[in-house]
Amino acid sequence: MSPEHVGLVTTLLSLLNKMSGWPFGILFFMVVVGPWILALMLGNSYRRRFEAVVRMYESNVTLVNDYHKVANDLKDVIILNTQTITTLIAEIRAR
């Protein structure tokens, strides 16, 4: 074995010796159950973020529909003004 391997093995044995006082349940929880809990927390976070994006798009659809109504009303006003000015010009030219 090279000196690096001996140092690595010594470090691992020292770490295991220090962890010997920990109950097995904590180690089991950290290794097996911990990642599942982390995955559930991340999944919940992504779900809430996705729901916020859905609400944003629904709000945008409402905004576009309202803008469409305003644009139609503006079109009607422009048509009415154009007709009125056309009639006014025709009356002025007739006199």
C-alpha atoms as a PDB file:
ATOM      1  CA  MET A   1       0.000   0.000   0.000  1.00  0.00           C
ATOM      2  CA  SER A   2       1.133   3.481  -0.757  1.00  0.00           C
ATOM      3  CA  PRO A   3       1.324   6.123   1.952  1.00  0.00           C
ATOM      4  CA  GLU A   4      -1.770   7.824   0.502  1.00  0.00           C
ATOM      5  CA  HIS A   5      -3.813   4.623   0.851  1.00  0.00           C
ATOM      6  CA  VAL A   6      -2.623   4.132   4.428  1.00  0.00           C
ATOM      7  CA  GLY A   7      -3.631   7.716   5.238  1.00  0.00           C
ATOM      8  CA  LEU A   8      -7.056   7.195   3.668  1.00  0.00           C
ATOM      9  CA  VAL A   9      -7.693   3.959   5.560  1.00  0.00           C
ATOM     10  CA  THR A  10      -6.553   5.572   8.805  1.00  0.00           C
ATOM     11  CA  THR A  11      -8.883   8.504   8.238  1.00  0.00           C
ATOM     12  CA  LEU A  12     -11.843   6.230   7.463  1.00  0.00           C
ATOM     13  CA  LEU A  13     -11.199   4.099  10.554  1.00  0.00           C
ATOM     14  CA  SER A  14     -10.940   7.239  12.659  1.00  0.00           C
ATOM     15  CA  LEU A  15     -14.243   8.472  11.256  1.00  0.00           C
ATOM     16  CA  LEU A  16     -15.938   5.136  11.926  1.00  0.00           C
ATOM     17  CA  ASN A  17     -14.516   5.131  15.457  1.00  0.00           C
ATOM     18  CA  LYS A  18     -15.963   8.585  16.102  1.00  0.00           C
ATOM     19  CA  MET A  19     -19.365   7.520  14.698  1.00  0.00           C
ATOM     20  CA  SER A  20     -19.546   4.399  16.852  1.00  0.00           C
ATOM     21  CA  GLY A  21     -21.360   6.347  19.565  1.00  0.00           C
ATOM     22  CA  TRP A  22     -24.180   7.279  17.236  1.00  0.00           C
ATOM     23  CA  PRO A  23     -27.232   5.064  17.330  1.00  0.00           C
ATOM     24  CA  PHE A  24     -27.849   2.944  14.282  1.00  0.00           C
ATOM     25  CA  GLY A  25     -31.246   4.577  13.742  1.00  0.00           C
ATOM     26  CA  ILE A  26     -29.730   7.985  13.090  1.00  0.00           C
ATOM     27  CA  LEU A  27     -27.293   6.577  10.539  1.00  0.00           C
ATOM     28  CA  PHE A  28     -30.093   4.583   8.894  1.00  0.00           C
ATOM     29  CA  PHE A  29     -32.283   7.680   8.798  1.00  0.00           C
ATOM     30  CA  MET A  30     -29.546   9.849   7.277  1.00  0.00           C
ATOM     31  CA  VAL A  31     -28.611   7.322   4.604  1.00  0.00           C
ATOM     32  CA  VAL A  32     -31.951   5.749   3.662  1.00  0.00           C
ATOM     33  CA  VAL A  33     -34.814   7.992   4.735  1.00  0.00           C
ATOM     34  CA  GLY A  34     -33.109  11.394   4.491  1.00  0.00           C
ATOM     35  CA  PRO A  35     -32.889  11.510   0.693  1.00  0.00           C
ATOM     36  CA  TRP A  36     -36.575  10.559   0.396  1.00  0.00           C
ATOM     37  CA  ILE A  37     -37.589  13.388   2.692  1.00  0.00           C
ATOM     38  CA  LEU A  38     -35.410  15.783   0.723  1.00  0.00           C
ATOM     39  CA  ALA A  39     -36.998  14.571  -2.536  1.00  0.00           C
ATOM     40  CA  LEU A  40     -40.504  15.120  -1.114  1.00  0.00           C
ATOM     41  CA  MET A  41     -39.592  18.623   0.049  1.00  0.00           C
ATOM     42  CA  LEU A  42     -38.163  19.502  -3.366  1.00  0.00           C
ATOM     43  CA  GLY A  43     -41.213  17.998  -5.102  1.00  0.00           C
ATOM     44  CA  ASN A  44     -43.527  20.113  -2.955  1.00  0.00           C
ATOM     45  CA  SER A  45     -41.484  23.204  -3.754  1.00  0.00           C
ATOM     46  CA  TYR A  46     -41.610  22.485  -7.496  1.00  0.00           C
ATOM     47  CA  ARG A  47     -45.375  21.856  -7.290  1.00  0.00           C
ATOM     48  CA  ARG A  48     -45.976  25.238  -5.620  1.00  0.00           C
ATOM     49  CA  ARG A  49     -43.780  26.945  -8.197  1.00  0.00           C
ATOM     50  CA  PHE A  50     -45.662  25.242 -11.052  1.00  0.00           C
ATOM     51  CA  GLU A  51     -49.000  26.321  -9.566  1.00  0.00           C
ATOM     52  CA  ALA A  52     -47.716  29.911  -9.425  1.00  0.00           C
ATOM     53  CA  VAL A  53     -46.764  29.702 -13.113  1.00  0.00           C
ATOM     54  CA  VAL A  54     -50.228  28.341 -13.964  1.00  0.00           C
ATOM     55  CA  ARG A  55     -51.867  31.231 -12.079  1.00  0.00           C
ATOM     56  CA  MET A  56     -49.637  33.686 -13.952  1.00  0.00           C
ATOM     57  CA  TYR A  57     -50.697  32.272 -17.329  1.00  0.00           C
ATOM     58  CA  GLU A  58     -54.371  32.308 -16.321  1.00  0.00           C
ATOM     59  CA  SER A  59     -53.997  35.960 -15.317  1.00  0.00           C
ATOM     60  CA  ASN A  60     -52.372  36.685 -18.668  1.00  0.00           C
ATOM     61  CA  VAL A  61     -55.324  35.091 -20.488  1.00  0.00           C
ATOM     62  CA  THR A  62     -57.727  37.292 -18.522  1.00  0.00           C
ATOM     63  CA  LEU A  63     -55.605  40.323 -19.345  1.00  0.00           C
ATOM     64  CA  VAL A  64     -55.621  39.495 -23.076  1.00  0.00           C
ATOM     65  CA  ASN A  65     -59.399  38.998 -23.075  1.00  0.00           C
ATOM     66  CA  ASP A  66     -59.908  42.350 -21.330  1.00  0.00           C
ATOM     67  CA  TYR A  67     -57.544  44.033 -23.797  1.00  0.00           C
ATOM     68  CA  HIS A  68     -59.498  42.492 -26.683  1.00  0.00           C
ATOM     69  CA  LYS A  69     -62.712  44.046 -25.332  1.00  0.00           C
ATOM     70  CA  VAL A  70     -61.017  47.451 -24.993  1.00  0.00           C
ATOM     71  CA  ALA A  71     -59.609  47.176 -28.522  1.00  0.00           C
ATOM     72  CA  ASN A  72     -63.077  46.391 -29.910  1.00  0.00           C
ATOM     73  CA  ASP A  73     -64.555  49.398 -28.079  1.00  0.00           C
ATOM     74  CA  LEU A  74     -61.752  51.593 -29.422  1.00  0.00           C
ATOM     75  CA  LYS A  75     -62.395  50.304 -32.935  1.00  0.00           C
ATOM     76  CA  ASP A  76     -66.073  51.240 -32.597  1.00  0.00           C
ATOM     77  CA  VAL A  77     -65.131  54.756 -31.414  1.00  0.00           C
ATOM     78  CA  ILE A  78     -62.697  55.232 -34.310  1.00  0.00           C
ATOM     79  CA  ILE A  79     -65.305  54.061 -36.837  1.00  0.00           C
ATOM     80  CA  LEU A  80     -67.910  56.404 -35.349  1.00  0.00           C
ATOM     81  CA  ASN A  81     -65.475  59.359 -35.412  1.00  0.00           C
ATOM     82  CA  THR A  82     -64.490  58.597 -39.005  1.00  0.00           C
ATOM     83  CA  GLN A  83     -68.142  58.451 -40.094  1.00  0.00           C
ATOM     84  CA  THR A  84     -68.911  61.689 -38.267  1.00  0.00           C
ATOM     85  CA  ILE A  85     -65.954  63.548 -39.791  1.00  0.00           C
ATOM     86  CA  THR A  86     -66.798  62.170 -43.241  1.00  0.00           C
ATOM     87  CA  THR A  87     -70.380  63.424 -42.859  1.00  0.00           C
ATOM     88  CA  LEU A  88     -69.108  66.789 -41.597  1.00  0.00           C
ATOM     89  CA  ILE A  89     -66.782  67.187 -44.580  1.00  0.00           C
ATOM     90  CA  ALA A  90     -69.602  66.261 -46.965  1.00  0.00           C
ATOM     91  CA  GLU A  91     -71.853  68.911 -45.354  1.00  0.00           C
ATOM     92  CA  ILE A  92     -69.129  71.561 -45.535  1.00  0.00           C
ATOM     93  CA  ARG A  93     -68.481  70.826 -49.228  1.00  0.00           C
ATOM     94  CA  ALA A  94     -72.216  70.927 -49.985  1.00  0.00           C
ATOM     95  CA  ARG A  95     -72.509  74.507 -48.718  1.00  0.00           C
END
